[in-house]
């Protein structure tokens, strides 16, 4: 079955960096676009970044463009989100996600807290 396992979250000061990783299994990884979402309490989950099957095209929400970098390793079945110049408003639970045969799958999420 499809499994997505995120890691790399934590507490960081404003201006700091974190690297999230998502390990995927249960599907043909190099044929699936991958996405990162985030969610804070009381708000809808929002799309942060997306990357195509080969990694050739990436897209970002406006508030993170230029600070976050999405990448993937199709040999290791992993997708990473490098987050730099973090701000308190980046605090959220971050989720890795994929759509397989019209079904969306989610990881368990990893907490990122940006605070002094």
Protein backbone atom coordinates (compact mmCIF):
# COMPACT_ATOMS: atom_id res chain seq x y z
CA UNK A 1 0.00 0.00 0.00
CA UNK A 2 1.01 3.61 -0.45
CA UNK A 3 3.10 4.92 2.42
CA UNK A 4 4.57 8.36 2.96
CA UNK A 5 6.76 9.05 5.96
CA UNK A 6 7.94 12.57 6.71
CA UNK A 7 10.90 13.48 8.87
CA UNK A 8 13.05 16.49 9.69
CA UNK A 9 10.67 18.81 11.48
CA UNK A 10 11.54 20.59 14.70
CA UNK A 11 12.00 23.89 16.48
CA UNK A 12 14.08 26.57 14.80
CA UNK A 13 14.65 30.28 15.37
CA UNK A 14 13.45 32.86 12.86
CA UNK A 15 15.90 33.07 10.00
CA UNK A 16 16.97 29.49 10.47
CA UNK A 17 16.74 26.48 8.20
CA UNK A 18 15.24 23.01 8.22
CA UNK A 19 15.18 20.21 5.69
CA UNK A 20 12.13 17.97 5.53
CA UNK A 21 12.24 14.59 3.87
CA UNK A 22 9.49 12.25 2.73
CA UNK A 23 10.17 8.57 2.10
CA UNK A 24 7.67 6.99 -0.28
CA UNK A 25 6.75 3.38 -0.97
CA UNK A 26 3.94 1.29 -2.42
CA UNK A 27 3.78 2.95 -5.83
CA UNK A 28 6.01 3.69 -8.81
CA UNK A 29 7.67 6.78 -7.45
CA UNK A 30 9.19 8.10 -10.67
CA UNK A 31 5.77 8.31 -12.32
CA UNK A 32 4.13 10.47 -9.64
CA UNK A 33 4.21 14.18 -9.02
CA UNK A 34 4.75 14.93 -5.34
CA UNK A 35 3.45 17.76 -3.21
CA UNK A 36 4.00 19.34 0.19
CA UNK A 37 1.13 20.86 2.16
CA UNK A 38 1.01 22.53 5.53
CA UNK A 39 -1.70 23.14 8.07
CA UNK A 40 -2.13 25.23 11.19
CA UNK A 41 -4.95 24.81 13.73
CA UNK A 42 -8.26 26.15 12.50
CA UNK A 43 -7.10 26.60 8.93
CA UNK A 44 -7.39 24.57 5.78
CA UNK A 45 -4.42 22.60 4.58
CA UNK A 46 -2.53 24.69 1.99
CA UNK A 47 -0.32 23.66 -0.89
CA UNK A 48 3.28 24.70 -0.29
CA UNK A 49 5.23 23.12 -3.13
CA UNK A 50 4.91 20.64 -5.96
CA UNK A 51 7.42 18.80 -8.08
CA UNK A 52 6.91 16.86 -11.29
CA UNK A 53 7.77 13.20 -11.82
CA UNK A 54 11.29 13.89 -13.05
CA UNK A 55 11.89 16.89 -10.83
CA UNK A 56 12.18 19.12 -13.86
CA UNK A 57 9.45 21.52 -12.78
CA UNK A 58 8.74 22.85 -9.30
CA UNK A 59 6.09 25.26 -8.12
CA UNK A 60 5.71 27.12 -4.84
CA UNK A 61 3.16 29.16 -3.00
CA UNK A 62 3.96 32.85 -3.16
CA UNK A 63 4.93 33.24 0.48
CA UNK A 64 7.69 30.61 0.32
CA UNK A 65 9.04 31.16 -3.20
CA UNK A 66 12.73 32.00 -3.04
CA UNK A 67 13.08 30.55 0.47
CA UNK A 68 12.00 26.92 0.01
CA UNK A 69 13.45 24.41 -2.45
CA UNK A 70 11.70 21.20 -3.41
CA UNK A 71 13.76 18.31 -4.77
CA UNK A 72 13.47 14.57 -5.27
CA UNK A 73 15.67 11.51 -5.63
CA UNK A 74 13.99 8.91 -7.80
CA UNK A 75 16.65 6.33 -6.95
CA UNK A 76 15.91 6.63 -3.22
CA UNK A 77 12.17 7.31 -3.54
CA UNK A 78 12.46 10.45 -1.48
CA UNK A 79 11.31 14.03 -1.84
CA UNK A 80 12.84 16.85 0.21
CA UNK A 81 11.81 20.36 1.14
CA UNK A 82 14.71 22.63 2.03
CA UNK A 83 13.38 25.58 4.02
CA UNK A 84 15.55 28.66 4.56
CA UNK A 85 14.97 32.07 6.10
CA UNK A 86 12.15 30.61 8.14
CA UNK A 87 9.54 32.91 9.61
CA UNK A 88 7.13 32.43 12.51
CA UNK A 89 4.29 32.24 10.00
CA UNK A 90 5.87 29.10 8.53
CA UNK A 91 4.96 27.29 11.74
CA UNK A 92 2.68 24.39 10.80
CA UNK A 93 2.42 20.66 10.40
CA UNK A 94 3.93 19.79 7.02
CA UNK A 95 2.56 16.90 4.99
CA UNK A 96 3.89 15.01 2.02
CA UNK A 97 1.20 13.97 -0.44
CA UNK A 98 0.65 12.09 -3.68
CA UNK A 99 -2.31 11.29 -5.93
CA UNK A 100 -2.41 7.72 -7.19
CA UNK A 101 -5.29 6.62 -9.44
CA UNK A 102 -7.36 9.64 -8.30
CA UNK A 103 -6.85 8.89 -4.61
CA UNK A 104 -4.85 11.35 -2.54
CA UNK A 105 -2.54 9.91 0.09
CA UNK A 106 -0.97 11.73 3.01
CA UNK A 107 1.91 11.17 5.33
CA UNK A 108 1.51 11.51 9.07
CA UNK A 109 2.94 15.02 9.05
CA UNK A 110 5.91 16.62 10.75
CA UNK A 111 5.72 19.66 13.01
CA UNK A 112 7.77 22.74 12.15
CA UNK A 113 7.87 25.47 14.77
CA UNK A 114 9.62 28.76 14.10
CA UNK A 115 10.04 30.70 17.30
CA UNK A 116 12.61 32.69 19.22
